Amino acid sequence: MKVKEMTRKARAFVLLAVDLGKEEKVMEKLLKFDEVKEAHVIPGEKDLMIVLETEREIIVPNSTRISDFVTNKIARIPGVLDTETILPTKSKTKSSE
């Protein structure tokens, strides 16, 4: 029996405002990052919503790691005007069994 390796992940939701008509292009660039698990075009003040997932580290807080990723990777994509990051403090998911 193979033992599944247990990894701890930090998750965040990022809302993005992008240049008009650039939603698809920005979404394709976002999906090239391993940390971006989902990307969605949404109506409203923001244009895209992405789900980020990073490995948790003992020394670096989750919020710092995610903030650095958003600032250094996502915000630098041409067409991205603004970002808003949502860090859940507690989450539950349905069992897939």
N, C-alpha and C. Protein backbone atom coordinates (compact mmCIF):
# COMPACT_ATOMS: atom_id res chain seq x y z
N MET A 1 0.83 -1.17 0.00
CA MET A 1 0.00 0.00 0.00
C MET A 1 0.89 1.25 0.00
N LYS A 2 0.59 2.13 -0.93
CA LYS A 2 1.37 3.36 -1.04
C LYS A 2 0.82 4.41 -0.07
N VAL A 3 1.72 5.02 0.70
CA VAL A 3 1.32 6.05 1.65
C VAL A 3 1.34 7.40 0.94
N LYS A 4 0.24 8.09 0.99
CA LYS A 4 0.15 9.40 0.38
C LYS A 4 0.94 10.40 1.21
N GLU A 5 1.84 11.12 0.55
CA GLU A 5 2.63 12.12 1.26
C GLU A 5 1.73 13.27 1.68
N MET A 6 1.85 13.65 2.93
CA MET A 6 1.01 14.72 3.45
C MET A 6 1.72 16.06 3.28
N THR A 7 1.09 16.96 2.54
CA THR A 7 1.66 18.29 2.38
C THR A 7 0.66 19.31 2.89
N ARG A 8 1.19 20.34 3.48
CA ARG A 8 0.34 21.41 3.99
C ARG A 8 0.38 22.55 3.00
N LYS A 9 -0.78 23.05 2.66
CA LYS A 9 -0.91 24.11 1.67
C LYS A 9 -1.54 25.34 2.29
N ALA A 10 -1.16 26.48 1.78
CA ALA A 10 -1.80 27.75 2.13
C ALA A 10 -2.60 28.18 0.91
N ARG A 11 -3.83 28.60 1.14
CA ARG A 11 -4.71 28.97 0.05
C ARG A 11 -5.12 30.42 0.17
N ALA A 12 -5.29 31.08 -0.97
CA ALA A 12 -5.76 32.47 -0.99
C ALA A 12 -6.59 32.68 -2.25
N PHE A 13 -7.45 33.66 -2.18
CA PHE A 13 -8.26 34.06 -3.32
C PHE A 13 -7.83 35.48 -3.68
N VAL A 14 -7.57 35.70 -4.96
CA VAL A 14 -7.10 37.01 -5.39
C VAL A 14 -8.06 37.55 -6.44
N LEU A 15 -8.54 38.76 -6.20
CA LEU A 15 -9.40 39.46 -7.15
C LEU A 15 -8.52 40.43 -7.92
N LEU A 16 -8.72 40.50 -9.24
CA LEU A 16 -7.89 41.36 -10.07
C LEU A 16 -8.73 42.28 -10.94
N ALA A 17 -8.32 43.52 -11.04
CA ALA A 17 -8.85 44.45 -12.04
C ALA A 17 -7.83 44.47 -13.16
N VAL A 18 -8.31 44.34 -14.40
CA VAL A 18 -7.40 44.32 -15.55
C VAL A 18 -7.90 45.30 -16.61
N ASP A 19 -7.01 45.62 -17.54
CA ASP A 19 -7.38 46.49 -18.66
C ASP A 19 -8.55 45.88 -19.41
N LEU A 20 -9.46 46.72 -19.88
CA LEU A 20 -10.64 46.30 -20.62
C LEU A 20 -10.24 45.45 -21.83
N GLY A 21 -10.84 44.28 -21.92
CA GLY A 21 -10.58 43.38 -23.03
C GLY A 21 -9.36 42.49 -22.85
N LYS A 22 -8.65 42.61 -21.73
CA LYS A 22 -7.43 41.82 -21.49
C LYS A 22 -7.66 40.63 -20.57
N GLU A 23 -8.91 40.36 -20.21
CA GLU A 23 -9.21 39.30 -19.24
C GLU A 23 -8.65 37.94 -19.67
N GLU A 24 -8.92 37.53 -20.89
CA GLU A 24 -8.47 36.21 -21.37
C GLU A 24 -6.94 36.13 -21.41
N LYS A 25 -6.31 37.18 -21.91
CA LYS A 25 -4.84 37.18 -22.02
C LYS A 25 -4.19 37.10 -20.65
N VAL A 26 -4.69 37.88 -19.69
CA VAL A 26 -4.15 37.85 -18.33
C VAL A 26 -4.42 36.48 -17.70
N MET A 27 -5.61 35.93 -17.92
CA MET A 27 -5.95 34.63 -17.35
C MET A 27 -4.99 33.55 -17.85
N GLU A 28 -4.65 33.58 -19.13
CA GLU A 28 -3.72 32.59 -19.68
C GLU A 28 -2.34 32.71 -19.04
N LYS A 29 -1.88 33.94 -18.80
CA LYS A 29 -0.58 34.15 -18.16
C LYS A 29 -0.61 33.67 -16.71
N LEU A 30 -1.71 33.92 -16.02
CA LEU A 30 -1.84 33.48 -14.63
C LEU A 30 -1.78 31.96 -14.52
N LEU A 31 -2.43 31.27 -15.43
CA LEU A 31 -2.50 29.81 -15.38
C LEU A 31 -1.16 29.13 -15.67
N LYS A 32 -0.16 29.89 -16.11
CA LYS A 32 1.18 29.34 -16.32
C LYS A 32 1.92 29.12 -15.00
N PHE A 33 1.48 29.81 -13.94
CA PHE A 33 2.09 29.64 -12.63
C PHE A 33 1.52 28.39 -11.96
N ASP A 34 2.39 27.55 -11.42
CA ASP A 34 1.94 26.34 -10.72
C ASP A 34 1.05 26.69 -9.53
N GLU A 35 1.28 27.81 -8.90
CA GLU A 35 0.53 28.22 -7.70
C GLU A 35 -0.91 28.60 -8.01
N VAL A 36 -1.20 28.97 -9.25
CA VAL A 36 -2.57 29.36 -9.63
C VAL A 36 -3.33 28.10 -10.01
N LYS A 37 -4.31 27.75 -9.17
CA LYS A 37 -5.08 26.50 -9.37
C LYS A 37 -6.34 26.72 -10.19
N GLU A 38 -6.91 27.92 -10.10
CA GLU A 38 -8.14 28.23 -10.83
C GLU A 38 -8.10 29.70 -11.23
N ALA A 39 -8.76 30.01 -12.35
CA ALA A 39 -8.91 31.40 -12.78
C ALA A 39 -10.31 31.56 -13.36
N HIS A 40 -10.99 32.65 -12.96
CA HIS A 40 -12.38 32.87 -13.36
C HIS A 40 -12.58 34.33 -13.76
N VAL A 41 -13.28 34.56 -14.86
CA VAL A 41 -13.74 35.91 -15.20
C VAL A 41 -15.00 36.14 -14.40
N ILE A 42 -15.08 37.30 -13.73
CA ILE A 42 -16.23 37.58 -12.87
C ILE A 42 -16.80 38.97 -13.18
N PRO A 43 -18.10 39.18 -12.93
CA PRO A 43 -18.69 40.51 -13.12
C PRO A 43 -18.46 41.37 -11.88
N GLY A 44 -18.47 42.67 -12.05
CA GLY A 44 -18.35 43.56 -10.90
C GLY A 44 -17.14 44.48 -11.00
N GLU A 45 -16.73 45.00 -9.86
CA GLU A 45 -15.61 45.92 -9.82
C GLU A 45 -14.30 45.25 -10.24
N LYS A 46 -14.13 44.00 -9.92
CA LYS A 46 -12.95 43.24 -10.32
C LYS A 46 -13.31 42.38 -11.52
N ASP A 47 -12.32 42.03 -12.30
CA ASP A 47 -12.56 41.31 -13.55
C ASP A 47 -12.24 39.82 -13.49
N LEU A 48 -11.28 39.46 -12.63
CA LEU A 48 -10.86 38.07 -12.51
C LEU A 48 -10.77 37.67 -11.05
N MET A 49 -10.96 36.39 -10.79
CA MET A 49 -10.72 35.83 -9.47
C MET A 49 -9.87 34.58 -9.68
N ILE A 50 -8.79 34.48 -8.89
CA ILE A 50 -7.96 33.29 -8.97
C ILE A 50 -7.85 32.65 -7.60
N VAL A 51 -7.57 31.36 -7.63
CA VAL A 51 -7.30 30.60 -6.41
C VAL A 51 -5.82 30.26 -6.43
N LEU A 52 -5.11 30.71 -5.39
CA LEU A 52 -3.68 30.43 -5.24
C LEU A 52 -3.48 29.35 -4.21
N GLU A 53 -2.50 28.52 -4.42
CA GLU A 53 -2.16 27.51 -3.43
C GLU A 53 -0.64 27.41 -3.37
N THR A 54 -0.08 27.64 -2.19
CA THR A 54 1.38 27.56 -2.01
C THR A 54 1.69 26.60 -0.88
N GLU A 55 2.89 26.08 -0.90
CA GLU A 55 3.35 25.21 0.18
C GLU A 55 3.52 26.05 1.45
N ARG A 56 3.08 25.52 2.57
CA ARG A 56 3.30 26.20 3.84
C ARG A 56 4.73 25.99 4.28
N GLU A 57 5.29 27.01 4.89
CA GLU A 57 6.64 26.91 5.42
C GLU A 57 6.61 27.22 6.90
N ILE A 58 7.53 26.64 7.63
CA ILE A 58 7.59 26.87 9.07
C ILE A 58 8.07 28.27 9.39
N ILE A 59 9.08 28.72 8.66
CA ILE A 59 9.71 30.01 8.98
C ILE A 59 8.96 31.20 8.40
N VAL A 60 8.47 31.09 7.17
CA VAL A 60 7.80 32.21 6.50
C VAL A 60 6.29 32.10 6.70
N PRO A 61 5.64 33.13 7.25
CA PRO A 61 4.18 33.08 7.42
C PRO A 61 3.47 32.97 6.07
N ASN A 62 2.31 32.29 6.06
CA ASN A 62 1.53 32.14 4.84
C ASN A 62 1.23 33.47 4.19
N SER A 63 0.85 34.45 5.00
CA SER A 63 0.47 35.75 4.46
C SER A 63 1.64 36.42 3.74
N THR A 64 2.85 36.26 4.26
CA THR A 64 4.03 36.85 3.62
C THR A 64 4.32 36.15 2.30
N ARG A 65 4.27 34.85 2.31
CA ARG A 65 4.55 34.08 1.08
C ARG A 65 3.55 34.42 -0.01
N ILE A 66 2.28 34.48 0.33
CA ILE A 66 1.25 34.80 -0.66
C ILE A 66 1.38 36.25 -1.11
N SER A 67 1.58 37.16 -0.18
CA SER A 67 1.75 38.57 -0.53
C SER A 67 2.92 38.78 -1.48
N ASP A 68 4.04 38.12 -1.21
CA ASP A 68 5.21 38.22 -2.09
C ASP A 68 4.89 37.70 -3.49
N PHE A 69 4.15 36.61 -3.57
CA PHE A 69 3.79 36.05 -4.87
C PHE A 69 2.90 37.02 -5.65
N VAL A 70 1.91 37.57 -4.97
CA VAL A 70 1.00 38.51 -5.63
C VAL A 70 1.76 39.75 -6.10
N THR A 71 2.59 40.30 -5.23
CA THR A 71 3.34 41.51 -5.56
C THR A 71 4.40 41.28 -6.64
N ASN A 72 5.15 40.20 -6.52
CA ASN A 72 6.28 39.98 -7.42
C ASN A 72 5.95 39.26 -8.71
N LYS A 73 4.84 38.56 -8.75
CA LYS A 73 4.49 37.80 -9.96
C LYS A 73 3.21 38.34 -10.62
N ILE A 74 2.13 38.33 -9.87
CA ILE A 74 0.83 38.67 -10.46
C ILE A 74 0.72 40.15 -10.83
N ALA A 75 1.07 41.02 -9.91
CA ALA A 75 0.92 42.46 -10.15
C ALA A 75 1.80 42.96 -11.30
N ARG A 76 2.81 42.20 -11.66
CA ARG A 76 3.72 42.61 -12.74
C ARG A 76 3.28 42.15 -14.12
N ILE A 77 2.20 41.40 -14.19
CA ILE A 77 1.68 40.95 -15.49
C ILE A 77 1.11 42.17 -16.21
N PRO A 78 1.52 42.41 -17.46
CA PRO A 78 0.95 43.53 -18.21
C PRO A 78 -0.57 43.42 -18.30
N GLY A 79 -1.25 44.50 -18.01
CA GLY A 79 -2.71 44.52 -18.04
C GLY A 79 -3.35 44.45 -16.67
N VAL A 80 -2.60 44.02 -15.65
CA VAL A 80 -3.14 43.97 -14.29
C VAL A 80 -3.07 45.37 -13.69
N LEU A 81 -4.24 45.87 -13.28
CA LEU A 81 -4.32 47.23 -12.73
C LEU A 81 -4.32 47.25 -11.22
N ASP A 82 -4.96 46.24 -10.60
CA ASP A 82 -5.12 46.23 -9.15
C ASP A 82 -5.39 44.81 -8.69
N THR A 83 -4.99 44.52 -7.45
CA THR A 83 -5.27 43.20 -6.87
C THR A 83 -5.83 43.37 -5.47
N GLU A 84 -6.61 42.41 -5.06
CA GLU A 84 -7.12 42.34 -3.69
C GLU A 84 -7.02 40.88 -3.26
N THR A 85 -6.29 40.63 -2.18
CA THR A 85 -6.04 39.27 -1.73
C THR A 85 -6.89 38.94 -0.52
N ILE A 86 -7.53 37.78 -0.56
CA ILE A 86 -8.36 37.31 0.54
C ILE A 86 -7.70 36.05 1.10
N LEU A 87 -7.31 36.11 2.38
CA LEU A 87 -6.67 34.98 3.05
C LEU A 87 -7.66 34.38 4.06
N PRO A 88 -8.18 33.20 3.79
CA PRO A 88 -9.10 32.58 4.75
C PRO A 88 -8.37 32.27 6.06
N THR A 89 -9.06 32.47 7.17
CA THR A 89 -8.48 32.13 8.47
C THR A 89 -8.91 30.74 8.92
N LYS A 90 -10.02 30.25 8.37
CA LYS A 90 -10.49 28.90 8.67
C LYS A 90 -11.33 28.43 7.49
N SER A 91 -11.12 27.21 7.08
CA SER A 91 -11.84 26.67 5.92
C SER A 91 -12.32 25.26 6.17
N LYS A 92 -13.37 24.88 5.49
CA LYS A 92 -13.86 23.52 5.49
C LYS A 92 -14.24 23.18 4.06
N THR A 93 -14.04 21.93 3.68
CA THR A 93 -14.44 21.48 2.37
C THR A 93 -15.25 20.20 2.51
N LYS A 94 -16.03 19.92 1.51
CA LYS A 94 -16.79 18.67 1.49
C LYS A 94 -15.82 17.53 1.22
N SER A 95 -16.10 16.40 1.82
CA SER A 95 -15.30 15.22 1.58
C SER A 95 -15.60 14.71 0.18
N SER A 96 -14.55 14.25 -0.51
CA SER A 96 -14.76 13.71 -1.85
C SER A 96 -15.06 12.22 -1.86
N GLU A 97 -15.27 11.64 -0.69
CA GLU A 97 -15.54 10.21 -0.59
C GLU A 97 -16.99 9.90 -0.81
